[in-house]
């Protein structure tokens, strides 16, 4: 998608979204149009009884693509969601197990350390997921895999965090 007078690039994931006057997340960095798109997707996923198998992948992908400014909440969020992606994508754990590890990490203030955010230019975004709701499980996995791959420079650290949290 090309930038126009009515669109902007999301500061987090880089998606080209409509310019809207609206809220954003309090510590995730995004354009209001991107946050609105994620809100619409979340509402859709919560209304779909079959979405439980892939909803967490969407939550994690969005969170790691909108890391915000380094600070306690943003750092804990990114670290926790990266650990959750590792658990689901590399270890093939169910979302319930990945969330349990994520929660263990975020409950330990200061457990995660800040990581330099990558470029998401080659990654899918929330817009990809919304455009592929006819195959949502597949799209959620593609989105999550692309977000996880973008953080490849930090995979070793995320694996170390996971190992510490799963003891």
Protein backbone atom coordinates (compact mmCIF):
# COMPACT_ATOMS: atom_id res chain seq x y z
CA UNK A 1 0.00 0.00 0.00
CA UNK A 2 1.27 3.47 -0.84
CA UNK A 3 1.12 6.50 1.40
CA UNK A 4 -1.52 9.03 0.41
CA UNK A 5 -2.86 12.23 1.92
CA UNK A 6 -5.29 10.14 3.98
CA UNK A 7 -2.84 7.46 5.20
CA UNK A 8 0.20 7.25 7.45
CA UNK A 9 2.87 4.72 8.36
CA UNK A 10 2.41 3.12 11.78
CA UNK A 11 5.31 4.01 14.05
CA UNK A 12 5.40 0.46 15.39
CA UNK A 13 4.86 -2.10 12.65
CA UNK A 14 5.20 0.13 9.60
CA UNK A 15 1.75 -0.69 8.17
CA UNK A 16 0.14 1.97 5.99
CA UNK A 17 -3.10 2.80 7.79
CA UNK A 18 -5.80 5.43 7.47
CA UNK A 19 -5.21 8.64 9.35
CA UNK A 20 -7.79 8.69 12.11
CA UNK A 21 -8.29 10.77 15.19
CA UNK A 22 -8.38 8.23 17.95
CA UNK A 23 -6.67 6.66 20.90
CA UNK A 24 -3.53 4.57 20.97
CA UNK A 25 -2.26 2.08 23.51
CA UNK A 26 -0.71 3.69 26.54
CA UNK A 27 2.78 2.23 26.11
CA UNK A 28 2.80 0.48 22.72
CA UNK A 29 3.86 2.80 19.92
CA UNK A 30 1.37 2.83 17.04
CA UNK A 31 -0.64 5.03 14.76
CA UNK A 32 -4.27 5.48 15.87
CA UNK A 33 -5.40 3.77 12.64
CA UNK A 34 -3.31 0.70 13.44
CA UNK A 35 -4.60 0.54 17.01
CA UNK A 36 -8.15 0.83 15.65
CA UNK A 37 -7.49 -2.01 13.17
CA UNK A 38 -6.19 -4.18 16.01
CA UNK A 39 -9.24 -3.31 18.12
CA UNK A 40 -11.54 -4.40 15.31
CA UNK A 41 -9.57 -7.63 14.87
CA UNK A 42 -9.68 -8.31 18.61
CA UNK A 43 -13.44 -7.82 18.69
CA UNK A 44 -13.81 -10.23 15.78
CA UNK A 45 -11.57 -12.85 17.42
CA UNK A 46 -13.38 -12.58 20.74
CA UNK A 47 -16.72 -13.15 19.01
CA UNK A 48 -15.45 -16.27 17.21
CA UNK A 49 -15.62 -19.38 19.38
CA UNK A 50 -13.07 -21.14 17.18
CA UNK A 51 -10.43 -18.40 17.49
CA UNK A 52 -9.02 -19.61 20.80
CA UNK A 53 -6.44 -21.75 19.03
CA UNK A 54 -4.78 -18.77 17.34
CA UNK A 55 -5.89 -15.64 19.21
CA UNK A 56 -2.75 -15.55 21.38
CA UNK A 57 -0.55 -15.58 18.27
CA UNK A 58 -2.31 -12.38 17.16
CA UNK A 59 -1.93 -10.75 20.59
CA UNK A 60 1.76 -11.64 20.69
CA UNK A 61 2.47 -10.57 17.11
CA UNK A 62 0.81 -7.20 17.58
CA UNK A 63 2.57 -6.57 20.90
CA UNK A 64 6.07 -7.34 19.63
CA UNK A 65 5.52 -5.20 16.54
CA UNK A 66 4.61 -2.21 18.72
CA UNK A 67 7.36 -2.26 21.35
CA UNK A 68 7.01 1.32 22.52
CA UNK A 69 9.69 3.31 24.25
CA UNK A 70 11.99 1.44 26.64
CA UNK A 71 10.44 1.48 30.08
CA UNK A 72 9.29 -1.04 32.66
CA UNK A 73 5.89 -1.87 31.13
CA UNK A 74 6.99 -1.87 27.49
CA UNK A 75 10.06 -3.97 28.26
CA UNK A 76 8.05 -6.53 30.24
CA UNK A 77 5.42 -6.64 27.50
CA UNK A 78 7.86 -7.22 24.64
CA UNK A 79 9.86 -9.81 26.57
CA UNK A 80 6.77 -11.69 27.67
CA UNK A 81 5.20 -11.74 24.23
CA UNK A 82 8.47 -12.85 22.62
CA UNK A 83 8.68 -15.73 25.10
CA UNK A 84 5.09 -16.63 24.25
CA UNK A 85 5.90 -16.65 20.52
CA UNK A 86 8.92 -18.88 21.14
CA UNK A 87 6.79 -21.30 23.14
CA UNK A 88 4.08 -21.53 20.48
CA UNK A 89 6.16 -21.38 17.29
CA UNK A 90 9.34 -23.26 18.17
CA UNK A 91 8.23 -25.50 21.03
CA UNK A 92 4.69 -26.08 19.70
CA UNK A 93 3.16 -25.46 23.11
CA UNK A 94 -0.52 -24.56 23.31
CA UNK A 95 -1.45 -20.95 23.98
CA UNK A 96 -2.44 -21.78 27.56
CA UNK A 97 1.12 -22.92 28.33
CA UNK A 98 2.73 -19.99 26.51
CA UNK A 99 0.57 -17.53 28.43
CA UNK A 100 1.52 -19.17 31.73
CA UNK A 101 5.22 -18.61 30.96
CA UNK A 102 4.53 -15.05 29.73
CA UNK A 103 2.70 -14.27 32.97
CA UNK A 104 5.51 -15.72 35.10
CA UNK A 105 7.93 -13.34 33.39
CA UNK A 106 5.84 -10.20 33.56
CA UNK A 107 5.02 -10.75 37.24
CA UNK A 108 8.74 -10.56 38.03
CA UNK A 109 9.41 -6.84 37.79
CA UNK A 110 12.64 -6.25 35.91
CA UNK A 111 12.96 -9.85 34.68
CA UNK A 112 13.19 -8.82 31.04
CA UNK A 113 15.77 -6.38 29.74
CA UNK A 114 15.19 -3.94 26.87
CA UNK A 115 15.92 -5.21 23.36
CA UNK A 116 16.58 -2.99 20.36
CA UNK A 117 13.49 -3.27 18.14
CA UNK A 118 14.03 -4.63 14.64
CA UNK A 119 12.61 -3.42 11.35
CA UNK A 120 9.26 -4.93 10.45
CA UNK A 121 9.52 -4.01 6.77
CA UNK A 122 9.49 -7.69 5.72
CA UNK A 123 6.87 -8.76 8.27
CA UNK A 124 3.13 -9.11 7.99
CA UNK A 125 1.00 -6.78 10.09
CA UNK A 126 -2.47 -6.62 11.57
CA UNK A 127 -3.68 -5.60 8.11
CA UNK A 128 -2.56 -8.96 6.69
CA UNK A 129 -4.52 -10.77 9.38
CA UNK A 130 -7.63 -8.70 8.77
CA UNK A 131 -7.38 -9.32 5.01
CA UNK A 132 -7.20 -13.08 5.55
CA UNK A 133 -10.03 -13.73 7.97
CA UNK A 134 -11.28 -16.40 5.57
CA UNK A 135 -8.24 -18.48 6.70
CA UNK A 136 -7.62 -17.06 10.17
CA UNK A 137 -5.57 -19.85 11.73
CA UNK A 138 -3.18 -19.84 8.77
CA UNK A 139 -2.99 -16.03 8.69
CA UNK A 140 -2.37 -15.76 12.44
CA UNK A 141 0.50 -18.22 12.20
CA UNK A 142 2.01 -16.42 9.16
CA UNK A 143 1.79 -13.08 10.96
CA UNK A 144 3.29 -14.47 14.15
CA UNK A 145 6.12 -16.26 12.33
CA UNK A 146 7.01 -13.09 10.43
CA UNK A 147 7.00 -11.02 13.65
CA UNK A 148 9.11 -13.65 15.43
CA UNK A 149 11.62 -13.77 12.54
CA UNK A 150 12.00 -9.99 12.66
CA UNK A 151 13.38 -10.39 16.19
CA UNK A 152 15.92 -13.06 15.09
CA UNK A 153 18.89 -11.08 16.43
CA UNK A 154 17.44 -11.55 19.93
CA UNK A 155 16.28 -15.18 19.74
CA UNK A 156 19.17 -16.41 21.90
CA UNK A 157 18.19 -14.01 24.69
CA UNK A 158 14.51 -14.96 24.41
CA UNK A 159 15.43 -18.66 24.65
CA UNK A 160 17.46 -17.92 27.80
CA UNK A 161 14.50 -16.09 29.32
CA UNK A 162 12.22 -19.01 28.47
CA UNK A 163 14.63 -21.49 30.03
CA UNK A 164 14.76 -19.42 33.25
CA UNK A 165 10.96 -19.10 33.37
CA UNK A 166 10.19 -22.74 32.65
CA UNK A 167 12.27 -24.14 35.53
